[in-house]
Amino acid sequence: MDNFDDLSIHFAINGVVILLLQLAVIVSSIIIITKYRKSIGAKIMVVGTVFTLIAIVAFQVMPYVTSSFETDNYLKVQVLLSYLNTFSFFVFTIGFVIFAINDLKKDDNKD
């Protein structure tokens, strides 16, 4: 069992690092949205990052919540969380592409 405890510590450390990185992305998105207030792309980026943060927290909490579930149900929850995570990256990517195409092009035309 000691080996399992060591692995859980590594997963916890990895989860904290991912959470900190995601918080950096959220802060960066908020900085972008304050500079480009009318940008729909920047707003979508923030929504995507918030969804991603929710997914990250859910991935960290769900093993404790679902520990009494049968293996099949536990795996179903993990798959649903995986889809949430993929959806959140999709939303962020769409916002980023819209931002890059529309708003950065407008800044280039101002020069």
C-alpha atoms as a PDB file:
ATOM      1  CA  MET A   1       0.000   0.000   0.000  1.00  0.00           C
ATOM      2  CA  ASP A   2       2.915   2.379   0.450  1.00  0.00           C
ATOM      3  CA  ASN A   3       3.412   2.481  -3.296  1.00  0.00           C
ATOM      4  CA  PHE A   4      -0.207   3.591  -3.748  1.00  0.00           C
ATOM      5  CA  ASP A   5       0.280   6.405  -1.251  1.00  0.00           C
ATOM      6  CA  ASP A   6       3.348   7.596  -3.145  1.00  0.00           C
ATOM      7  CA  LEU A   7       1.384   7.617  -6.407  1.00  0.00           C
ATOM      8  CA  SER A   8      -1.484   9.549  -4.865  1.00  0.00           C
ATOM      9  CA  ILE A   9       0.974  12.221  -3.732  1.00  0.00           C
ATOM     10  CA  HIS A  10       2.297  12.512  -7.280  1.00  0.00           C
ATOM     11  CA  PHE A  11      -1.237  12.823  -8.657  1.00  0.00           C
ATOM     12  CA  ALA A  12      -2.001  15.494  -6.056  1.00  0.00           C
ATOM     13  CA  ILE A  13       1.137  17.461  -6.927  1.00  0.00           C
ATOM     14  CA  ASN A  14       0.318  17.204 -10.626  1.00  0.00           C
ATOM     15  CA  GLY A  15      -3.229  18.383  -9.916  1.00  0.00           C
ATOM     16  CA  VAL A  16      -1.952  21.442  -8.060  1.00  0.00           C
ATOM     17  CA  VAL A  17       0.441  22.316 -10.904  1.00  0.00           C
ATOM     18  CA  ILE A  18      -2.344  21.969 -13.473  1.00  0.00           C
ATOM     19  CA  LEU A  19      -4.614  24.118 -11.305  1.00  0.00           C
ATOM     20  CA  LEU A  20      -1.968  26.849 -11.035  1.00  0.00           C
ATOM     21  CA  LEU A  21      -1.384  26.796 -14.777  1.00  0.00           C
ATOM     22  CA  GLN A  22      -5.114  27.041 -15.420  1.00  0.00           C
ATOM     23  CA  LEU A  23      -5.370  29.974 -13.032  1.00  0.00           C
ATOM     24  CA  ALA A  24      -2.598  31.671 -15.047  1.00  0.00           C
ATOM     25  CA  VAL A  25      -4.625  31.115 -18.218  1.00  0.00           C
ATOM     26  CA  ILE A  26      -7.717  32.585 -16.542  1.00  0.00           C
ATOM     27  CA  VAL A  27      -5.786  35.656 -15.380  1.00  0.00           C
ATOM     28  CA  SER A  28      -4.321  36.076 -18.870  1.00  0.00           C
ATOM     29  CA  SER A  29      -7.778  35.794 -20.415  1.00  0.00           C
ATOM     30  CA  ILE A  30      -9.139  38.379 -18.005  1.00  0.00           C
ATOM     31  CA  ILE A  31      -6.274  40.733 -18.905  1.00  0.00           C
ATOM     32  CA  ILE A  32      -7.119  40.276 -22.581  1.00  0.00           C
ATOM     33  CA  ILE A  33     -10.806  40.900 -21.956  1.00  0.00           C
ATOM     34  CA  THR A  34     -10.043  44.132 -20.060  1.00  0.00           C
ATOM     35  CA  LYS A  35      -8.012  45.399 -23.023  1.00  0.00           C
ATOM     36  CA  TYR A  36     -10.521  44.254 -25.653  1.00  0.00           C
ATOM     37  CA  ARG A  37     -13.815  44.872 -23.865  1.00  0.00           C
ATOM     38  CA  LYS A  38     -15.995  44.437 -26.953  1.00  0.00           C
ATOM     39  CA  SER A  39     -14.267  41.258 -28.088  1.00  0.00           C
ATOM     40  CA  ILE A  40     -16.622  38.291 -28.269  1.00  0.00           C
ATOM     41  CA  GLY A  41     -13.575  36.053 -28.767  1.00  0.00           C
ATOM     42  CA  ALA A  42     -12.031  37.179 -25.477  1.00  0.00           C
ATOM     43  CA  LYS A  43     -15.320  36.600 -23.663  1.00  0.00           C
ATOM     44  CA  ILE A  44     -15.585  33.086 -25.089  1.00  0.00           C
ATOM     45  CA  MET A  45     -11.991  32.435 -24.011  1.00  0.00           C
ATOM     46  CA  VAL A  46     -12.865  33.340 -20.419  1.00  0.00           C
ATOM     47  CA  VAL A  47     -15.905  31.044 -20.513  1.00  0.00           C
ATOM     48  CA  GLY A  48     -13.723  28.222 -21.813  1.00  0.00           C
ATOM     49  CA  THR A  49     -11.128  28.737 -19.086  1.00  0.00           C
ATOM     50  CA  VAL A  50     -13.790  28.746 -16.387  1.00  0.00           C
ATOM     51  CA  PHE A  51     -15.208  25.466 -17.749  1.00  0.00           C
ATOM     52  CA  THR A  52     -11.691  24.036 -17.759  1.00  0.00           C
ATOM     53  CA  LEU A  53     -11.165  25.106 -14.148  1.00  0.00           C
ATOM     54  CA  ILE A  54     -14.423  23.406 -13.177  1.00  0.00           C
ATOM     55  CA  ALA A  55     -13.318  20.241 -14.970  1.00  0.00           C
ATOM     56  CA  ILE A  56      -9.913  20.283 -13.263  1.00  0.00           C
ATOM     57  CA  VAL A  57     -11.464  20.675  -9.828  1.00  0.00           C
ATOM     58  CA  ALA A  58     -13.999  17.951 -10.612  1.00  0.00           C
ATOM     59  CA  PHE A  59     -11.214  15.582 -11.706  1.00  0.00           C
ATOM     60  CA  GLN A  60      -9.469  16.173  -8.376  1.00  0.00           C
ATOM     61  CA  VAL A  61     -12.595  15.818  -6.220  1.00  0.00           C
ATOM     62  CA  MET A  62     -14.458  13.025  -8.000  1.00  0.00           C
ATOM     63  CA  PRO A  63     -12.219  10.123  -6.897  1.00  0.00           C
ATOM     64  CA  TYR A  64     -13.157  10.908  -3.297  1.00  0.00           C
ATOM     65  CA  VAL A  65     -16.840  11.396  -4.079  1.00  0.00           C
ATOM     66  CA  THR A  66     -17.135   8.303  -6.274  1.00  0.00           C
ATOM     67  CA  SER A  67     -14.947   5.981  -4.221  1.00  0.00           C
ATOM     68  CA  SER A  68     -17.995   3.962  -3.176  1.00  0.00           C
ATOM     69  CA  PHE A  69     -19.171   3.553  -6.785  1.00  0.00           C
ATOM     70  CA  GLU A  70     -18.722   0.335  -8.684  1.00  0.00           C
ATOM     71  CA  THR A  71     -15.897   0.376 -11.209  1.00  0.00           C
ATOM     72  CA  ASP A  72     -18.224   0.753 -14.207  1.00  0.00           C
ATOM     73  CA  ASN A  73     -19.985   3.764 -12.702  1.00  0.00           C
ATOM     74  CA  TYR A  74     -16.685   5.303 -11.658  1.00  0.00           C
ATOM     75  CA  LEU A  75     -15.401   4.973 -15.216  1.00  0.00           C
ATOM     76  CA  LYS A  76     -18.600   6.509 -16.596  1.00  0.00           C
ATOM     77  CA  VAL A  77     -18.113   9.550 -14.361  1.00  0.00           C
ATOM     78  CA  GLN A  78     -14.501   9.836 -15.522  1.00  0.00           C
ATOM     79  CA  VAL A  79     -15.614   9.678 -19.171  1.00  0.00           C
ATOM     80  CA  LEU A  80     -18.198  12.418 -18.584  1.00  0.00           C
ATOM     81  CA  LEU A  81     -15.555  14.590 -16.928  1.00  0.00           C
ATOM     82  CA  SER A  82     -13.247  13.912 -19.852  1.00  0.00           C
ATOM     83  CA  TYR A  83     -15.934  15.155 -22.246  1.00  0.00           C
ATOM     84  CA  LEU A  84     -16.428  18.263 -20.091  1.00  0.00           C
ATOM     85  CA  ASN A  85     -12.707  18.911 -20.227  1.00  0.00           C
ATOM     86  CA  THR A  86     -12.605  18.427 -23.999  1.00  0.00           C
ATOM     87  CA  PHE A  87     -15.633  20.711 -24.433  1.00  0.00           C
ATOM     88  CA  SER A  88     -14.010  23.416 -22.325  1.00  0.00           C
ATOM     89  CA  PHE A  89     -10.826  23.302 -24.433  1.00  0.00           C
ATOM     90  CA  PHE A  90     -13.001  23.451 -27.547  1.00  0.00           C
ATOM     91  CA  VAL A  91     -14.803  26.569 -26.269  1.00  0.00           C
ATOM     92  CA  PHE A  92     -11.497  28.226 -25.354  1.00  0.00           C
ATOM     93  CA  THR A  93     -10.019  27.372 -28.762  1.00  0.00           C
ATOM     94  CA  ILE A  94     -13.023  28.799 -30.608  1.00  0.00           C
ATOM     95  CA  GLY A  95     -12.731  32.007 -28.576  1.00  0.00           C
ATOM     96  CA  PHE A  96      -9.000  32.184 -29.209  1.00  0.00           C
ATOM     97  CA  VAL A  97      -9.440  31.738 -32.960  1.00  0.00           C
ATOM     98  CA  ILE A  98     -12.182  34.388 -33.093  1.00  0.00           C
ATOM     99  CA  PHE A  99     -10.011  36.733 -31.060  1.00  0.00           C
ATOM    100  CA  ALA A 100      -6.975  36.137 -33.267  1.00  0.00           C
ATOM    101  CA  ILE A 101      -8.885  36.600 -36.515  1.00  0.00           C
ATOM    102  CA  ASN A 102     -11.084  39.564 -35.592  1.00  0.00           C
ATOM    103  CA  ASP A 103      -9.461  41.596 -32.858  1.00  0.00           C
ATOM    104  CA  LEU A 104      -5.777  41.267 -33.675  1.00  0.00           C
ATOM    105  CA  LYS A 105      -6.513  42.096 -37.315  1.00  0.00           C
ATOM    106  CA  LYS A 106      -8.235  45.317 -36.169  1.00  0.00           C
ATOM    107  CA  ASP A 107      -5.126  46.326 -34.199  1.00  0.00           C
ATOM    108  CA  ASP A 108      -2.904  45.738 -37.241  1.00  0.00           C
ATOM    109  CA  ASN A 109      -5.137  48.017 -39.323  1.00  0.00           C
ATOM    110  CA  LYS A 110      -4.753  50.852 -36.772  1.00  0.00           C
ATOM    111  CA  ASP A 111      -0.975  51.069 -37.312  1.00  0.00           C
END
